[in-house]
Amino acid sequence: MSTCERCGAAFHCAMADAAPGQAPTGAPGETPCWCTFLPPVLAVPDAGASAVGCWCPECLRAHIAAVKAP
């Protein structure tokens, strides 16, 4: 399980959390995550970024809605 960097909620990130019996390798594009199906609204950190985490579905969807609001 991953922890949302914004609200602290636990959620599953397919690119960071291993599937049962499998260790994640972290290879780009290895496993599509739910977030890849949403509109891109945040820049993806480069490989040198330190301690960057994901947001849970609720926080990311709320951010997308806020960015799109007039």
PDB file of N, CA and C in Angstrom:
ATOM      1  N   MET A   1       0.841  -1.185   0.000  1.00  0.00           N
ATOM      2  CA  MET A   1       0.000   0.000   0.000  1.00  0.00           C
ATOM      3  C   MET A   1       0.884   1.247   0.000  1.00  0.00           C
ATOM      4  N   SER A   2       0.403   2.251  -0.665  1.00  0.00           N
ATOM      5  CA  SER A   2       1.064   3.550  -0.672  1.00  0.00           C
ATOM      6  C   SER A   2       0.299   4.488   0.261  1.00  0.00           C
ATOM      7  N   THR A   3       0.939   5.585   0.603  1.00  0.00           N
ATOM      8  CA  THR A   3       0.306   6.594   1.445  1.00  0.00           C
ATOM      9  C   THR A   3       0.242   7.894   0.666  1.00  0.00           C
ATOM     10  N   CYS A   4      -0.932   8.503   0.624  1.00  0.00           N
ATOM     11  CA  CYS A   4      -1.118   9.758  -0.093  1.00  0.00           C
ATOM     12  C   CYS A   4      -0.282  10.857   0.550  1.00  0.00           C
ATOM     13  N   GLU A   5       0.508  11.544  -0.260  1.00  0.00           N
ATOM     14  CA  GLU A   5       1.346  12.634   0.235  1.00  0.00           C
ATOM     15  C   GLU A   5       0.525  13.855   0.630  1.00  0.00           C
ATOM     16  N   ARG A   6      -0.718  13.903   0.183  1.00  0.00           N
ATOM     17  CA  ARG A   6      -1.556  15.068   0.442  1.00  0.00           C
ATOM     18  C   ARG A   6      -2.419  14.890   1.698  1.00  0.00           C
ATOM     19  N   CYS A   7      -3.082  13.727   1.831  1.00  0.00           N
ATOM     20  CA  CYS A   7      -4.013  13.542   2.952  1.00  0.00           C
ATOM     21  C   CYS A   7      -3.633  12.418   3.907  1.00  0.00           C
ATOM     22  N   GLY A   8      -2.689  11.576   3.519  1.00  0.00           N
ATOM     23  CA  GLY A   8      -2.265  10.482   4.383  1.00  0.00           C
ATOM     24  C   GLY A   8      -3.049   9.187   4.231  1.00  0.00           C
ATOM     25  N   ALA A   9      -4.018   9.151   3.309  1.00  0.00           N
ATOM     26  CA  ALA A   9      -4.818   7.943   3.101  1.00  0.00           C
ATOM     27  C   ALA A   9      -3.976   6.834   2.463  1.00  0.00           C
ATOM     28  N   ALA A  10      -4.303   5.599   2.806  1.00  0.00           N
ATOM     29  CA  ALA A  10      -3.661   4.441   2.180  1.00  0.00           C
ATOM     30  C   ALA A  10      -4.393   4.111   0.886  1.00  0.00           C
ATOM     31  N   PHE A  11      -3.639   3.785  -0.166  1.00  0.00           N
ATOM     32  CA  PHE A  11      -4.223   3.424  -1.451  1.00  0.00           C
ATOM     33  C   PHE A  11      -3.239   2.571  -2.224  1.00  0.00           C
ATOM     34  N   HIS A  12      -3.698   1.950  -3.292  1.00  0.00           N
ATOM     35  CA  HIS A  12      -2.837   1.100  -4.114  1.00  0.00           C
ATOM     36  C   HIS A  12      -2.320   1.870  -5.319  1.00  0.00           C
ATOM     37  N   CYS A  13      -1.024   1.897  -5.476  1.00  0.00           N
ATOM     38  CA  CYS A  13      -0.366   2.480  -6.649  1.00  0.00           C
ATOM     39  C   CYS A  13       0.295   1.338  -7.404  1.00  0.00           C
ATOM     40  N   ALA A  14      -0.192   1.070  -8.591  1.00  0.00           N
ATOM     41  CA  ALA A  14       0.313  -0.073  -9.363  1.00  0.00           C
ATOM     42  C   ALA A  14       1.778   0.074  -9.761  1.00  0.00           C
ATOM     43  N   MET A  15       2.279   1.300  -9.819  1.00  0.00           N
ATOM     44  CA  MET A  15       3.672   1.485 -10.213  1.00  0.00           C
ATOM     45  C   MET A  15       4.617   1.443  -9.023  1.00  0.00           C
ATOM     46  N   ALA A  16       4.090   1.553  -7.800  1.00  0.00           N
ATOM     47  CA  ALA A  16       4.947   1.530  -6.614  1.00  0.00           C
ATOM     48  C   ALA A  16       4.721   0.307  -5.750  1.00  0.00           C
ATOM     49  N   ASP A  17       3.501  -0.206  -5.732  1.00  0.00           N
ATOM     50  CA  ASP A  17       3.162  -1.332  -4.878  1.00  0.00           C
ATOM     51  C   ASP A  17       3.225  -2.629  -5.673  1.00  0.00           C
ATOM     52  N   ALA A  18       3.822  -3.613  -5.086  1.00  0.00           N
ATOM     53  CA  ALA A  18       3.943  -4.898  -5.767  1.00  0.00           C
ATOM     54  C   ALA A  18       2.621  -5.629  -5.806  1.00  0.00           C
ATOM     55  N   ALA A  19       2.416  -6.335  -6.883  1.00  0.00           N
ATOM     56  CA  ALA A  19       1.283  -7.255  -6.952  1.00  0.00           C
ATOM     57  C   ALA A  19       1.603  -8.423  -6.024  1.00  0.00           C
ATOM     58  N   PRO A  20       0.611  -9.120  -5.533  1.00  0.00           N
ATOM     59  CA  PRO A  20       0.892 -10.251  -4.648  1.00  0.00           C
ATOM     60  C   PRO A  20       1.897 -11.217  -5.261  1.00  0.00           C
ATOM     61  N   GLY A  21       2.937 -11.499  -4.536  1.00  0.00           N
ATOM     62  CA  GLY A  21       3.965 -12.420  -4.997  1.00  0.00           C
ATOM     63  C   GLY A  21       4.959 -11.839  -5.975  1.00  0.00           C
ATOM     64  N   GLN A  22       4.912 -10.532  -6.211  1.00  0.00           N
ATOM     65  CA  GLN A  22       5.808  -9.908  -7.192  1.00  0.00           C
ATOM     66  C   GLN A  22       6.402  -8.634  -6.603  1.00  0.00           C
ATOM     67  N   ALA A  23       7.676  -8.440  -6.787  1.00  0.00           N
ATOM     68  CA  ALA A  23       8.336  -7.229  -6.321  1.00  0.00           C
ATOM     69  C   ALA A  23       8.334  -6.193  -7.436  1.00  0.00           C
ATOM     70  N   PRO A  24       7.984  -4.921  -7.133  1.00  0.00           N
ATOM     71  CA  PRO A  24       8.019  -3.902  -8.187  1.00  0.00           C
ATOM     72  C   PRO A  24       9.467  -3.596  -8.561  1.00  0.00           C
ATOM     73  N   THR A  25       9.702  -3.379  -9.836  1.00  0.00           N
ATOM     74  CA  THR A  25      11.049  -3.030 -10.275  1.00  0.00           C
ATOM     75  C   THR A  25      11.202  -1.524 -10.444  1.00  0.00           C
ATOM     76  N   GLY A  26      10.065  -0.818 -10.542  1.00  0.00           N
ATOM     77  CA  GLY A  26      10.123   0.628 -10.730  1.00  0.00           C
ATOM     78  C   GLY A  26      10.390   1.036 -12.165  1.00  0.00           C
ATOM     79  N   ALA A  27      10.392   0.084 -13.073  1.00  0.00           N
ATOM     80  CA  ALA A  27      10.650   0.407 -14.473  1.00  0.00           C
ATOM     81  C   ALA A  27       9.508   1.255 -15.030  1.00  0.00           C
ATOM     82  N   PRO A  28       9.837   2.356 -15.720  1.00  0.00           N
ATOM     83  CA  PRO A  28       8.781   3.188 -16.295  1.00  0.00           C
ATOM     84  C   PRO A  28       7.878   2.387 -17.213  1.00  0.00           C
ATOM     85  N   GLY A  29       6.588   2.560 -17.025  1.00  0.00           N
ATOM     86  CA  GLY A  29       5.628   1.880 -17.868  1.00  0.00           C
ATOM     87  C   GLY A  29       5.437   0.411 -17.572  1.00  0.00           C
ATOM     88  N   GLU A  30       6.066  -0.077 -16.515  1.00  0.00           N
ATOM     89  CA  GLU A  30       5.977  -1.501 -16.195  1.00  0.00           C
ATOM     90  C   GLU A  30       4.525  -1.928 -15.952  1.00  0.00           C
ATOM     91  N   THR A  31       3.848  -1.200 -15.113  1.00  0.00           N
ATOM     92  CA  THR A  31       2.459  -1.513 -14.796  1.00  0.00           C
ATOM     93  C   THR A  31       1.665  -0.224 -14.835  1.00  0.00           C
ATOM     94  N   PRO A  32       0.705  -0.099 -15.711  1.00  0.00           N
ATOM     95  CA  PRO A  32      -0.088   1.128 -15.714  1.00  0.00           C
ATOM     96  C   PRO A  32      -0.844   1.274 -14.402  1.00  0.00           C
ATOM     97  N   CYS A  33      -0.883   2.456 -13.888  1.00  0.00           N
ATOM     98  CA  CYS A  33      -1.588   2.748 -12.650  1.00  0.00           C
ATOM     99  C   CYS A  33      -2.900   3.462 -12.976  1.00  0.00           C
ATOM    100  N   TRP A  34      -3.831   3.449 -12.048  1.00  0.00           N
ATOM    101  CA  TRP A  34      -5.119   4.128 -12.237  1.00  0.00           C
ATOM    102  C   TRP A  34      -4.913   5.578 -12.622  1.00  0.00           C
ATOM    103  N   CYS A  35      -3.871   6.226 -12.113  1.00  0.00           N
ATOM    104  CA  CYS A  35      -3.665   7.654 -12.364  1.00  0.00           C
ATOM    105  C   CYS A  35      -3.310   7.956 -13.817  1.00  0.00           C
ATOM    106  N   THR A  36      -2.792   6.968 -14.538  1.00  0.00           N
ATOM    107  CA  THR A  36      -2.417   7.204 -15.936  1.00  0.00           C
ATOM    108  C   THR A  36      -3.631   7.372 -16.840  1.00  0.00           C
ATOM    109  N   PHE A  37      -4.813   7.049 -16.328  1.00  0.00           N
ATOM    110  CA  PHE A  37      -6.037   7.184 -17.111  1.00  0.00           C
ATOM    111  C   PHE A  37      -6.737   8.522 -16.864  1.00  0.00           C
ATOM    112  N   LEU A  38      -6.179   9.341 -15.984  1.00  0.00           N
ATOM    113  CA  LEU A  38      -6.733  10.664 -15.689  1.00  0.00           C
ATOM    114  C   LEU A  38      -5.983  11.722 -16.492  1.00  0.00           C
ATOM    115  N   PRO A  39      -6.567  12.904 -16.659  1.00  0.00           N
ATOM    116  CA  PRO A  39      -5.868  13.970 -17.389  1.00  0.00           C
ATOM    117  C   PRO A  39      -4.569  14.357 -16.677  1.00  0.00           C
ATOM    118  N   PRO A  40      -3.502  14.600 -17.413  1.00  0.00           N
ATOM    119  CA  PRO A  40      -2.236  15.003 -16.789  1.00  0.00           C
ATOM    120  C   PRO A  40      -2.307  16.453 -16.305  1.00  0.00           C
ATOM    121  N   VAL A  41      -2.202  16.653 -15.001  1.00  0.00           N
ATOM    122  CA  VAL A  41      -2.266  18.012 -14.445  1.00  0.00           C
ATOM    123  C   VAL A  41      -1.051  18.357 -13.604  1.00  0.00           C
ATOM    124  N   LEU A  42      -0.224  17.372 -13.292  1.00  0.00           N
ATOM    125  CA  LEU A  42       0.977  17.608 -12.504  1.00  0.00           C
ATOM    126  C   LEU A  42       2.177  17.115 -13.290  1.00  0.00           C
ATOM    127  N   ALA A  43       3.263  17.827 -13.180  1.00  0.00           N
ATOM    128  CA  ALA A  43       4.483  17.391 -13.848  1.00  0.00           C
ATOM    129  C   ALA A  43       5.013  16.132 -13.164  1.00  0.00           C
ATOM    130  N   VAL A  44       5.505  15.181 -13.950  1.00  0.00           N
ATOM    131  CA  VAL A  44       6.118  13.986 -13.396  1.00  0.00           C
ATOM    132  C   VAL A  44       7.539  14.348 -12.986  1.00  0.00           C
ATOM    133  N   PRO A  45       7.918  14.054 -11.737  1.00  0.00           N
ATOM    134  CA  PRO A  45       9.266  14.410 -11.280  1.00  0.00           C
ATOM    135  C   PRO A  45      10.331  13.656 -12.060  1.00  0.00           C
ATOM    136  N   ASP A  46      11.487  14.282 -12.202  1.00  0.00           N
ATOM    137  CA  ASP A  46      12.576  13.599 -12.895  1.00  0.00           C
ATOM    138  C   ASP A  46      13.217  12.587 -11.952  1.00  0.00           C
ATOM    139  N   ALA A  47      14.126  11.796 -12.486  1.00  0.00           N
ATOM    140  CA  ALA A  47      14.747  10.717 -11.721  1.00  0.00           C
ATOM    141  C   ALA A  47      15.540  11.220 -10.525  1.00  0.00           C
ATOM    142  N   GLY A  48      15.999  12.460 -10.542  1.00  0.00           N
ATOM    143  CA  GLY A  48      16.791  13.005  -9.445  1.00  0.00           C
ATOM    144  C   GLY A  48      15.968  13.565  -8.304  1.00  0.00           C
ATOM    145  N   ALA A  49      14.651  13.584  -8.431  1.00  0.00           N
ATOM    146  CA  ALA A  49      13.794  14.136  -7.380  1.00  0.00           C
ATOM    147  C   ALA A  49      13.856  13.253  -6.148  1.00  0.00           C
ATOM    148  N   SER A  50      13.808  13.892  -4.986  1.00  0.00           N
ATOM    149  CA  SER A  50      13.877  13.111  -3.757  1.00  0.00           C
ATOM    150  C   SER A  50      12.526  13.080  -3.058  1.00  0.00           C
ATOM    151  N   ALA A  51      12.177  11.925  -2.549  1.00  0.00           N
ATOM    152  CA  ALA A  51      10.982  11.717  -1.720  1.00  0.00           C
ATOM    153  C   ALA A  51       9.702  12.280  -2.322  1.00  0.00           C
ATOM    154  N   VAL A  52       9.478  12.008  -3.590  1.00  0.00           N
ATOM    155  CA  VAL A  52       8.232  12.430  -4.217  1.00  0.00           C
ATOM    156  C   VAL A  52       7.264  11.268  -4.151  1.00  0.00           C
ATOM    157  N   GLY A  53       6.054  11.536  -3.696  1.00  0.00           N
ATOM    158  CA  GLY A  53       5.078  10.468  -3.572  1.00  0.00           C
ATOM    159  C   GLY A  53       3.838  10.738  -4.391  1.00  0.00           C
ATOM    160  N   CYS A  54       2.938   9.802  -4.343  1.00  0.00           N
ATOM    161  CA  CYS A  54       1.692   9.898  -5.099  1.00  0.00           C
ATOM    162  C   CYS A  54       0.567  10.458  -4.247  1.00  0.00           C
ATOM    163  N   TRP A  55      -0.497  10.844  -4.916  1.00  0.00           N
ATOM    164  CA  TRP A  55      -1.736  11.245  -4.262  1.00  0.00           C
ATOM    165  C   TRP A  55      -2.744  10.135  -4.460  1.00  0.00           C
ATOM    166  N   CYS A  56      -3.655   9.985  -3.499  1.00  0.00           N
ATOM    167  CA  CYS A  56      -4.729   9.001  -3.604  1.00  0.00           C
ATOM    168  C   CYS A  56      -5.713   9.439  -4.690  1.00  0.00           C
ATOM    169  N   PRO A  57      -6.577   8.528  -5.132  1.00  0.00           N
ATOM    170  CA  PRO A  57      -7.548   8.882  -6.177  1.00  0.00           C
ATOM    171  C   PRO A  57      -8.410  10.092  -5.818  1.00  0.00           C
ATOM    172  N   GLU A  58      -8.863  10.171  -4.578  1.00  0.00           N
ATOM    173  CA  GLU A  58      -9.730  11.288  -4.180  1.00  0.00           C
ATOM    174  C   GLU A  58      -8.994  12.625  -4.270  1.00  0.00           C
ATOM    175  N   CYS A  59      -7.761  12.685  -3.764  1.00  0.00           N
ATOM    176  CA  CYS A  59      -7.000  13.942  -3.803  1.00  0.00           C
ATOM    177  C   CYS A  59      -6.648  14.345  -5.228  1.00  0.00           C
ATOM    178  N   LEU A  60      -6.243  13.377  -6.054  1.00  0.00           N
ATOM    179  CA  LEU A  60      -5.874  13.720  -7.422  1.00  0.00           C
ATOM    180  C   LEU A  60      -7.096  14.178  -8.210  1.00  0.00           C
ATOM    181  N   ARG A  61      -8.227  13.492  -8.033  1.00  0.00           N
ATOM    182  CA  ARG A  61      -9.442  13.917  -8.739  1.00  0.00           C
ATOM    183  C   ARG A  61      -9.905  15.299  -8.273  1.00  0.00           C
ATOM    184  N   ALA A  62      -9.788  15.577  -6.973  1.00  0.00           N
ATOM    185  CA  ALA A  62     -10.159  16.908  -6.454  1.00  0.00           C
ATOM    186  C   ALA A  62      -9.244  17.980  -7.026  1.00  0.00           C
ATOM    187  N   HIS A  63      -7.960  17.682  -7.149  1.00  0.00           N
ATOM    188  CA  HIS A  63      -7.012  18.648  -7.721  1.00  0.00           C
ATOM    189  C   HIS A  63      -7.329  18.900  -9.194  1.00  0.00           C
ATOM    190  N   ILE A  64      -7.625  17.850  -9.925  1.00  0.00           N
ATOM    191  CA  ILE A  64      -7.974  18.005 -11.346  1.00  0.00           C
ATOM    192  C   ILE A  64      -9.210  18.872 -11.483  1.00  0.00           C
ATOM    193  N   ALA A  65     -10.225  18.645 -10.648  1.00  0.00           N
ATOM    194  CA  ALA A  65     -11.448  19.439 -10.692  1.00  0.00           C
ATOM    195  C   ALA A  65     -11.164  20.905 -10.361  1.00  0.00           C
ATOM    196  N   ALA A  66     -10.291  21.156  -9.403  1.00  0.00           N
ATOM    197  CA  ALA A  66      -9.956  22.523  -9.007  1.00  0.00           C
ATOM    198  C   ALA A  66      -9.200  23.237 -10.116  1.00  0.00           C
ATOM    199  N   VAL A  67      -8.307  22.532 -10.787  1.00  0.00           N
ATOM    200  CA  VAL A  67      -7.527  23.128 -11.869  1.00  0.00           C
ATOM    201  C   VAL A  67      -8.413  23.454 -13.063  1.00  0.00           C
ATOM    202  N   LYS A  68      -9.390  22.609 -13.327  1.00  0.00           N
ATOM    203  CA  LYS A  68     -10.286  22.806 -14.469  1.00  0.00           C
ATOM    204  C   LYS A  68     -11.396  23.799 -14.192  1.00  0.00           C
ATOM    205  N   ALA A  69     -11.642  24.103 -12.909  1.00  0.00           N
ATOM    206  CA  ALA A  69     -12.733  25.053 -12.563  1.00  0.00           C
ATOM    207  C   ALA A  69     -12.388  26.456 -13.006  1.00  0.00           C
ATOM    208  N   PRO A  70     -13.387  27.220 -13.485  1.00  0.00           N
ATOM    209  CA  PRO A  70     -13.109  28.585 -13.951  1.00  0.00           C
ATOM    210  C   PRO A  70     -12.806  29.524 -12.798  1.00  0.00           C
TER     211      PRO A  70
END
